[in-house]
């Protein structure tokens, strides 16, 4: 996936605060007995992982957002002896060369760090946006492991996999995937989707940088993302009006709306929009019926993230009552499905996590078009 560049109309220079007081575990330079040298990564926004750099190895801490338990891995160069305080099951040999990924956002981070060759397995190509990944799956360079990877444990083992990255949730424990663990393959739970800050989600690219010994590249990439994101936020502060925004579309009779402490609610606030459920303290979603949503969202000026719909007709074909929302009547409905492959694979889900600066620019363009006159919607499109 090629890096997206946009032209920012910014007055002034953003200052970068450099923290000079570093602990011993995060010193100015990290080196190993194999001669690998890089600058230690500082985690600023993400809450579900952290990194410590010792004299000649790295320690990755994963914080389970469901129970606050911490799991630690030691990232060792190949052939390096295991520190006394760690067990064999905690070791991940780096740089990773044969990895199984399970989400499109994971593969995007690998691709943008120039490590596509290290991807050796993926769940299924149906929802994969990257054509290069699809091609590699078609020609066998990347194996298909299925959505339940336990069914393909043997295939994963035979592929000489050195790491499996799964989607972290409340059911994934240290006892999950016993066959793979017994074979000595480390299982890493990725909980980027539980970060309640867009930059926190993007910062997971630093974890990939540590796994791949590409710290400098990951840091440079994230710093540019952060700078662009904050520049757009500063532009949004110039907004002369704050539109009310409705999100989502019902599924099986229930409307899932983001809680007021969710990453999307925060993004709406940052892009200068008002959100009907902003006062909720939930980080997850609220499950509401149509009547409850209509009561608070009927007068919303703009409606975004409308599920699998590509047109206004798609919306009312689901339920004619959806046409009673003001945003629908005024044709102010937008969805993030402008960039699709095969009608199912979405670049928004593949790239949006890593590039929140593009997402926030799209939102500002939708809410305050006068502030970003030259910006063309990238992920989003207006439904007609």
Protein backbone atom coordinates (compact mmCIF):
# COMPACT_ATOMS: atom_id res chain seq x y z
CA UNK A 1 0.00 0.00 0.00
CA UNK A 2 1.53 3.25 -1.10
CA UNK A 3 1.79 5.96 1.50
CA UNK A 4 -0.91 8.59 1.15
CA UNK A 5 0.31 12.14 0.92
CA UNK A 6 -1.95 15.14 1.26
CA UNK A 7 -1.28 18.86 0.95
CA UNK A 8 -1.75 20.66 4.23
CA UNK A 9 -2.55 24.36 4.42
CA UNK A 10 -0.81 25.02 7.71
CA UNK A 11 0.48 28.35 9.05
CA UNK A 12 3.36 28.09 11.47
CA UNK A 13 5.69 25.34 12.47
CA UNK A 14 4.74 22.51 14.80
CA UNK A 15 7.25 22.05 17.58
CA UNK A 16 8.42 18.63 18.62
CA UNK A 17 9.12 18.01 22.28
CA UNK A 18 12.10 15.76 22.74
CA UNK A 19 12.24 13.92 26.02
CA UNK A 20 15.85 13.93 27.15
CA UNK A 21 15.36 12.17 30.46
CA UNK A 22 15.31 8.50 29.54
CA UNK A 23 15.51 5.50 31.81
CA UNK A 24 18.20 2.87 31.60
CA UNK A 25 15.75 0.52 29.88
CA UNK A 26 15.06 3.11 27.16
CA UNK A 27 18.52 4.54 26.54
CA UNK A 28 19.49 6.59 23.50
CA UNK A 29 20.76 3.60 21.54
CA UNK A 30 19.86 -0.07 21.64
CA UNK A 31 22.35 -2.64 20.39
CA UNK A 32 22.71 -6.41 20.41
CA UNK A 33 25.58 -8.83 20.33
CA UNK A 34 24.71 -9.34 16.65
CA UNK A 35 25.41 -5.68 15.94
CA UNK A 36 21.81 -4.58 15.36
CA UNK A 37 21.53 -0.95 16.42
CA UNK A 38 18.45 1.24 16.52
CA UNK A 39 16.79 4.00 18.50
CA UNK A 40 14.41 2.70 21.21
CA UNK A 41 10.77 3.35 20.52
CA UNK A 42 8.74 5.49 22.91
CA UNK A 43 5.04 4.57 23.18
CA UNK A 44 3.01 7.76 23.69
CA UNK A 45 -0.64 7.00 22.90
CA UNK A 46 -1.26 3.25 22.92
CA UNK A 47 -2.47 1.80 26.22
CA UNK A 48 -2.49 -1.93 25.48
CA UNK A 49 1.21 -2.47 24.81
CA UNK A 50 4.55 -1.07 25.89
CA UNK A 51 8.22 -1.65 25.05
CA UNK A 52 11.32 -1.75 27.23
CA UNK A 53 14.81 -1.74 25.74
CA UNK A 54 17.51 -3.44 27.75
CA UNK A 55 21.22 -3.53 26.98
CA UNK A 56 20.96 -6.22 24.30
CA UNK A 57 17.33 -7.31 24.11
CA UNK A 58 13.81 -5.91 24.08
CA UNK A 59 10.80 -6.65 26.27
CA UNK A 60 7.27 -6.38 24.91
CA UNK A 61 4.43 -6.00 27.42
CA UNK A 62 0.83 -6.64 26.36
CA UNK A 63 -1.89 -5.27 28.63
CA UNK A 64 -5.15 -7.18 28.30
CA UNK A 65 -7.89 -4.50 28.21
CA UNK A 66 -10.49 -7.04 29.33
CA UNK A 67 -8.88 -7.97 32.66
CA UNK A 68 -5.81 -5.67 32.93
CA UNK A 69 -3.46 -8.68 33.05
CA UNK A 70 0.03 -8.17 31.61
CA UNK A 71 1.84 -10.67 29.39
CA UNK A 72 5.51 -10.12 28.64
CA UNK A 73 7.68 -11.40 25.79
CA UNK A 74 11.42 -11.06 25.39
CA UNK A 75 12.41 -10.18 21.84
CA UNK A 76 15.75 -11.85 21.20
CA UNK A 77 17.97 -11.84 18.17
CA UNK A 78 18.25 -15.29 16.65
CA UNK A 79 20.87 -17.37 18.46
CA UNK A 80 20.93 -15.11 21.51
CA UNK A 81 20.67 -16.80 24.92
CA UNK A 82 17.51 -16.37 27.01
CA UNK A 83 17.77 -14.00 30.00
CA UNK A 84 17.30 -15.77 33.34
CA UNK A 85 14.04 -13.99 34.20
CA UNK A 86 12.24 -15.35 31.11
CA UNK A 87 11.04 -18.80 30.09
CA UNK A 88 11.23 -20.38 26.65
CA UNK A 89 7.51 -19.78 26.10
CA UNK A 90 8.07 -16.01 26.46
CA UNK A 91 10.66 -15.80 23.69
CA UNK A 92 10.03 -14.25 20.28
CA UNK A 93 13.03 -14.43 17.96
CA UNK A 94 13.56 -11.31 15.91
CA UNK A 95 13.53 -10.17 13.24
CA UNK A 96 10.32 -12.04 12.45
CA UNK A 97 10.60 -13.81 9.10
CA UNK A 98 7.58 -16.15 8.94
CA UNK A 99 4.49 -14.58 10.46
CA UNK A 100 0.79 -15.42 10.35
CA UNK A 101 -1.45 -12.34 10.47
CA UNK A 102 -5.21 -12.33 11.02
CA UNK A 103 -6.46 -8.82 10.13
CA UNK A 104 -6.00 -6.54 7.15
CA UNK A 105 -4.68 -3.75 9.38
CA UNK A 106 -1.88 -6.05 10.57
CA UNK A 107 -0.82 -6.81 7.00
CA UNK A 108 -0.93 -3.11 6.10
CA UNK A 109 1.52 -2.29 8.87
CA UNK A 110 3.82 -5.06 7.66
CA UNK A 111 3.59 -3.81 4.07
CA UNK A 112 4.31 -0.19 4.96
CA UNK A 113 7.40 -1.25 6.90
CA UNK A 114 8.65 -3.08 3.81
CA UNK A 115 8.15 -6.50 5.38
CA UNK A 116 5.59 -8.13 3.10
CA UNK A 117 7.99 -11.06 2.56
CA UNK A 118 7.68 -11.88 6.28
CA UNK A 119 3.93 -12.53 5.92
CA UNK A 120 3.60 -16.29 5.44
CA UNK A 121 -0.03 -16.84 6.38
CA UNK A 122 -3.37 -15.04 6.40
CA UNK A 123 -6.93 -16.09 7.23
CA UNK A 124 -8.74 -15.63 3.89
CA UNK A 125 -8.48 -13.40 0.83
CA UNK A 126 -12.18 -12.49 0.63
CA UNK A 127 -11.84 -9.33 2.74
CA UNK A 128 -8.20 -8.59 1.86
CA UNK A 129 -7.84 -5.23 0.11
CA UNK A 130 -4.16 -5.49 -0.82
CA UNK A 131 -3.93 -6.96 -4.31
CA UNK A 132 -0.32 -7.98 -3.69
CA UNK A 133 -1.34 -10.05 -0.67
CA UNK A 134 -4.17 -11.62 -2.70
CA UNK A 135 -1.73 -12.49 -5.50
CA UNK A 136 0.67 -14.07 -3.03
CA UNK A 137 -2.16 -16.13 -1.55
CA UNK A 138 -3.15 -17.25 -5.04
CA UNK A 139 0.36 -18.40 -5.91
CA UNK A 140 0.99 -20.07 -2.55
CA UNK A 141 3.59 -17.66 -1.18
CA UNK A 142 1.13 -16.88 1.63
CA UNK A 143 -0.85 -19.80 3.01
CA UNK A 144 -4.56 -19.59 3.87
CA UNK A 145 -5.07 -20.50 7.53
CA UNK A 146 -8.81 -19.84 7.89
CA UNK A 147 -10.68 -17.79 10.47
CA UNK A 148 -10.36 -20.58 13.04
CA UNK A 149 -6.63 -21.12 12.91
CA UNK A 150 -6.84 -24.11 15.24
CA UNK A 151 -8.24 -26.06 12.29
CA UNK A 152 -5.02 -25.43 10.37
CA UNK A 153 -2.46 -25.81 13.15
CA UNK A 154 -0.54 -28.45 11.20
CA UNK A 155 -0.32 -26.23 8.12
CA UNK A 156 0.96 -23.34 10.26
CA UNK A 157 3.59 -25.55 11.90
CA UNK A 158 4.77 -27.00 8.57
CA UNK A 159 5.20 -23.45 7.24
CA UNK A 160 7.91 -22.94 9.91
CA UNK A 161 5.96 -20.05 11.37
CA UNK A 162 7.87 -18.06 13.99
CA UNK A 163 4.90 -15.95 15.21
CA UNK A 164 1.11 -15.99 15.01
CA UNK A 165 -0.64 -12.67 15.64
CA UNK A 166 -4.28 -13.14 16.61
CA UNK A 167 -7.07 -10.69 17.36
CA UNK A 168 -7.11 -10.21 21.11
CA UNK A 169 -10.47 -10.56 22.83
CA UNK A 170 -11.91 -11.74 26.14
CA UNK A 171 -11.74 -15.42 25.09
CA UNK A 172 -8.05 -15.48 24.15
CA UNK A 173 -5.97 -16.72 27.10
CA UNK A 174 -2.57 -18.28 27.71
CA UNK A 175 -4.26 -21.65 27.21
CA UNK A 176 -5.61 -20.83 23.75
CA UNK A 177 -4.08 -22.52 20.68
CA UNK A 178 -2.42 -25.36 22.63
CA UNK A 179 -1.17 -27.23 19.55
CA UNK A 180 0.69 -24.21 18.24
CA UNK A 181 2.09 -23.36 21.66
CA UNK A 182 3.29 -26.93 22.15
CA UNK A 183 5.11 -26.64 18.83
CA UNK A 184 6.97 -23.63 20.22
CA UNK A 185 5.17 -21.00 18.15
CA UNK A 186 4.48 -17.81 20.14
CA UNK A 187 0.96 -16.39 20.04
CA UNK A 188 0.67 -12.60 20.22
CA UNK A 189 -2.73 -11.01 20.92
CA UNK A 190 -3.26 -7.80 18.98
CA UNK A 191 -5.72 -5.50 20.75
CA UNK A 192 -5.24 -2.39 18.63
CA UNK A 193 -9.00 -2.29 18.11
CA UNK A 194 -9.41 -1.67 21.85
CA UNK A 195 -7.40 1.55 21.79
CA UNK A 196 -9.70 4.51 22.40
CA UNK A 197 -7.54 6.98 20.52
CA UNK A 198 -6.91 7.03 16.77
CA UNK A 199 -3.21 7.71 17.25
CA UNK A 200 -3.10 4.90 19.81
CA UNK A 201 -4.31 2.48 17.15
CA UNK A 202 -1.79 3.76 14.63
CA UNK A 203 1.02 3.52 17.18
CA UNK A 204 0.81 -0.27 17.03
CA UNK A 205 3.09 0.10 14.01
CA UNK A 206 5.87 0.56 16.57
CA UNK A 207 5.21 -2.93 17.91
CA UNK A 208 5.69 -4.25 14.38
CA UNK A 209 8.86 -2.18 14.13
CA UNK A 210 10.23 -3.89 17.25
CA UNK A 211 9.33 -7.35 15.92
CA UNK A 212 11.01 -6.65 12.59
CA UNK A 213 14.06 -4.74 13.89
CA UNK A 214 12.72 -1.76 11.94
CA UNK A 215 12.43 0.69 14.81
CA UNK A 216 13.76 3.68 12.89
CA UNK A 217 11.38 3.15 9.98
CA UNK A 218 8.37 2.62 12.27
CA UNK A 219 9.23 5.72 14.30
CA UNK A 220 9.66 7.88 11.21
CA UNK A 221 6.37 6.65 9.74
CA UNK A 222 4.43 7.25 12.94
CA UNK A 223 5.95 10.67 13.54
CA UNK A 224 4.73 11.82 10.12
CA UNK A 225 1.27 10.38 10.78
CA UNK A 226 1.15 12.15 14.15
CA UNK A 227 2.28 15.47 12.68
CA UNK A 228 -0.28 15.36 9.88
CA UNK A 229 -3.06 14.27 12.23
CA UNK A 230 -2.40 17.10 14.67
CA UNK A 231 -2.18 19.58 11.80
CA UNK A 232 -5.67 18.62 10.66
CA UNK A 233 -6.95 18.90 14.23
CA UNK A 234 -5.62 22.43 14.38
CA UNK A 235 -7.42 23.24 11.13
CA UNK A 236 -10.68 21.87 12.54
CA UNK A 237 -10.43 24.29 15.45
CA UNK A 238 -11.19 27.09 13.00
CA UNK A 239 -14.69 25.72 12.35
CA UNK A 240 -17.42 28.34 12.59
CA UNK A 241 -20.20 25.80 13.22
CA UNK A 242 -20.46 22.38 14.88
CA UNK A 243 -22.81 20.00 13.03
CA UNK A 244 -24.68 17.21 14.77
CA UNK A 245 -23.65 13.80 13.40
CA UNK A 246 -25.41 10.43 13.40
CA UNK A 247 -23.48 7.19 12.89
CA UNK A 248 -24.22 3.62 11.90
CA UNK A 249 -27.19 1.58 10.73
CA UNK A 250 -29.22 -1.10 12.54
CA UNK A 251 -28.28 -4.77 12.31
CA UNK A 252 -30.87 -7.39 13.17
CA UNK A 253 -33.11 -4.76 14.70
CA UNK A 254 -30.52 -3.11 16.96
CA UNK A 255 -28.61 0.08 16.26
CA UNK A 256 -25.03 -0.08 17.51
CA UNK A 257 -23.84 3.45 18.30
CA UNK A 258 -20.34 4.18 19.64
CA UNK A 259 -20.13 5.06 23.32
CA UNK A 260 -19.08 8.55 24.30
CA UNK A 261 -15.62 7.35 25.39
CA UNK A 262 -14.96 5.43 22.17
CA UNK A 263 -12.30 6.28 19.62
CA UNK A 264 -14.95 7.31 17.07
CA UNK A 265 -16.71 9.65 19.50
CA UNK A 266 -13.33 11.24 20.21
CA UNK A 267 -12.64 11.56 16.48
CA UNK A 268 -15.97 13.34 16.00
CA UNK A 269 -15.09 15.75 18.78
CA UNK A 270 -11.62 16.34 17.29
CA UNK A 271 -13.12 17.05 13.87
CA UNK A 272 -15.58 19.49 15.48
CA UNK A 273 -18.89 17.67 15.35
CA UNK A 274 -21.46 17.10 18.08
CA UNK A 275 -22.50 13.54 18.84
CA UNK A 276 -25.82 12.60 20.48
CA UNK A 277 -24.26 10.06 22.84
CA UNK A 278 -21.10 11.96 23.74
CA UNK A 279 -22.03 12.01 27.43
CA UNK A 280 -21.96 8.21 27.66
CA UNK A 281 -18.84 6.94 29.46
CA UNK A 282 -18.75 3.67 27.54
CA UNK A 283 -15.79 2.81 25.33
CA UNK A 284 -17.75 0.16 23.45
CA UNK A 285 -21.06 0.43 21.65
CA UNK A 286 -24.56 1.12 22.91
CA UNK A 287 -27.26 -1.19 21.56
CA UNK A 288 -30.39 0.87 20.88
CA UNK A 289 -33.65 0.40 19.03
CA UNK A 290 -34.73 2.63 16.15
CA UNK A 291 -37.04 4.72 18.33
CA UNK A 292 -34.23 5.62 20.76
CA UNK A 293 -31.90 6.61 17.93
CA UNK A 294 -34.61 8.59 16.15
CA UNK A 295 -35.35 10.56 19.30
CA UNK A 296 -31.77 11.83 19.53
CA UNK A 297 -30.59 11.65 15.94
CA UNK A 298 -33.56 12.67 13.81
CA UNK A 299 -32.28 16.25 13.47
CA UNK A 300 -28.62 15.33 12.85
CA UNK A 301 -27.25 17.33 9.92
CA UNK A 302 -24.90 14.57 8.72
CA UNK A 303 -25.05 10.77 8.80
CA UNK A 304 -21.90 8.65 8.42
CA UNK A 305 -20.75 5.00 8.48
CA UNK A 306 -23.92 3.45 7.11
CA UNK A 307 -22.88 -0.19 7.06
CA UNK A 308 -22.80 -1.97 3.70
CA UNK A 309 -24.88 0.61 1.82
CA UNK A 310 -23.65 2.28 -1.38
CA UNK A 311 -26.68 4.48 -2.12
CA UNK A 312 -29.61 6.20 -0.46
CA UNK A 313 -31.88 3.57 -1.97
CA UNK A 314 -29.85 0.86 -0.23
CA UNK A 315 -30.71 2.52 3.08
CA UNK A 316 -34.46 2.83 2.62
CA UNK A 317 -34.61 -0.63 1.06
CA UNK A 318 -33.56 -1.91 4.48
CA UNK A 319 -36.30 0.06 6.22
CA UNK A 320 -38.37 2.88 4.73
CA UNK A 321 -38.39 4.63 8.12
CA UNK A 322 -34.68 5.45 7.78
CA UNK A 323 -35.71 8.02 5.20
CA UNK A 324 -37.26 10.15 7.97
CA UNK A 325 -33.88 11.30 9.32
CA UNK A 326 -33.08 14.89 8.35
CA UNK A 327 -29.62 13.94 7.06
CA UNK A 328 -31.22 11.47 4.67
CA UNK A 329 -33.81 13.98 3.47
CA UNK A 330 -31.06 16.53 2.78
CA UNK A 331 -28.75 14.03 1.08
CA UNK A 332 -26.01 14.41 3.69
CA UNK A 333 -25.14 10.72 4.07
CA UNK A 334 -21.56 9.43 3.76
CA UNK A 335 -19.99 6.00 3.98
CA UNK A 336 -16.37 4.86 4.12
CA UNK A 337 -16.64 2.42 1.21
CA UNK A 338 -15.15 4.49 -1.61
CA UNK A 339 -12.13 2.19 -1.89
CA UNK A 340 -13.23 -1.42 -2.25
CA UNK A 341 -11.92 -4.58 -3.93
CA UNK A 342 -14.43 -7.10 -5.16
CA UNK A 343 -17.28 -5.38 -3.35
CA UNK A 344 -16.27 -6.81 0.04
CA UNK A 345 -12.65 -5.87 0.80
CA UNK A 346 -12.42 -2.35 2.25
CA UNK A 347 -9.32 -0.18 2.31
CA UNK A 348 -10.86 1.78 5.18
CA UNK A 349 -10.50 -1.24 7.46
CA UNK A 350 -7.12 -2.15 5.98
CA UNK A 351 -5.48 1.28 6.13
CA UNK A 352 -7.62 3.47 8.36
CA UNK A 353 -6.09 2.20 11.61
CA UNK A 354 -2.57 3.07 10.49
CA UNK A 355 -3.52 6.33 8.81
CA UNK A 356 -5.95 8.24 11.03
CA UNK A 357 -4.72 11.47 9.46
CA UNK A 358 -6.55 10.45 6.28
CA UNK A 359 -9.68 9.50 8.20
CA UNK A 360 -9.74 12.74 10.17
CA UNK A 361 -9.14 14.78 7.00
CA UNK A 362 -12.13 13.08 5.38
CA UNK A 363 -14.31 13.80 8.41
CA UNK A 364 -13.29 17.46 8.50
CA UNK A 365 -13.98 17.73 4.77
CA UNK A 366 -17.47 16.29 5.33
CA UNK A 367 -18.30 18.43 8.38
CA UNK A 368 -16.48 21.63 7.36
CA UNK A 369 -15.77 21.54 3.60
CA UNK A 370 -14.68 25.16 3.58
CA UNK A 371 -11.68 24.34 5.80
CA UNK A 372 -10.21 21.78 3.38
CA UNK A 373 -11.17 23.10 -0.02
CA UNK A 374 -8.50 21.10 -1.88
CA UNK A 375 -8.96 17.80 -0.08
CA UNK A 376 -10.63 15.00 -2.03
CA UNK A 377 -12.44 12.37 0.03
CA UNK A 378 -10.23 9.29 0.22
CA UNK A 379 -12.08 6.63 2.22
CA UNK A 380 -15.51 8.26 2.28
CA UNK A 381 -18.03 8.98 -0.44
CA UNK A 382 -21.35 10.79 -0.48
CA UNK A 383 -24.27 8.44 -1.07
CA UNK A 384 -26.66 9.36 -3.86
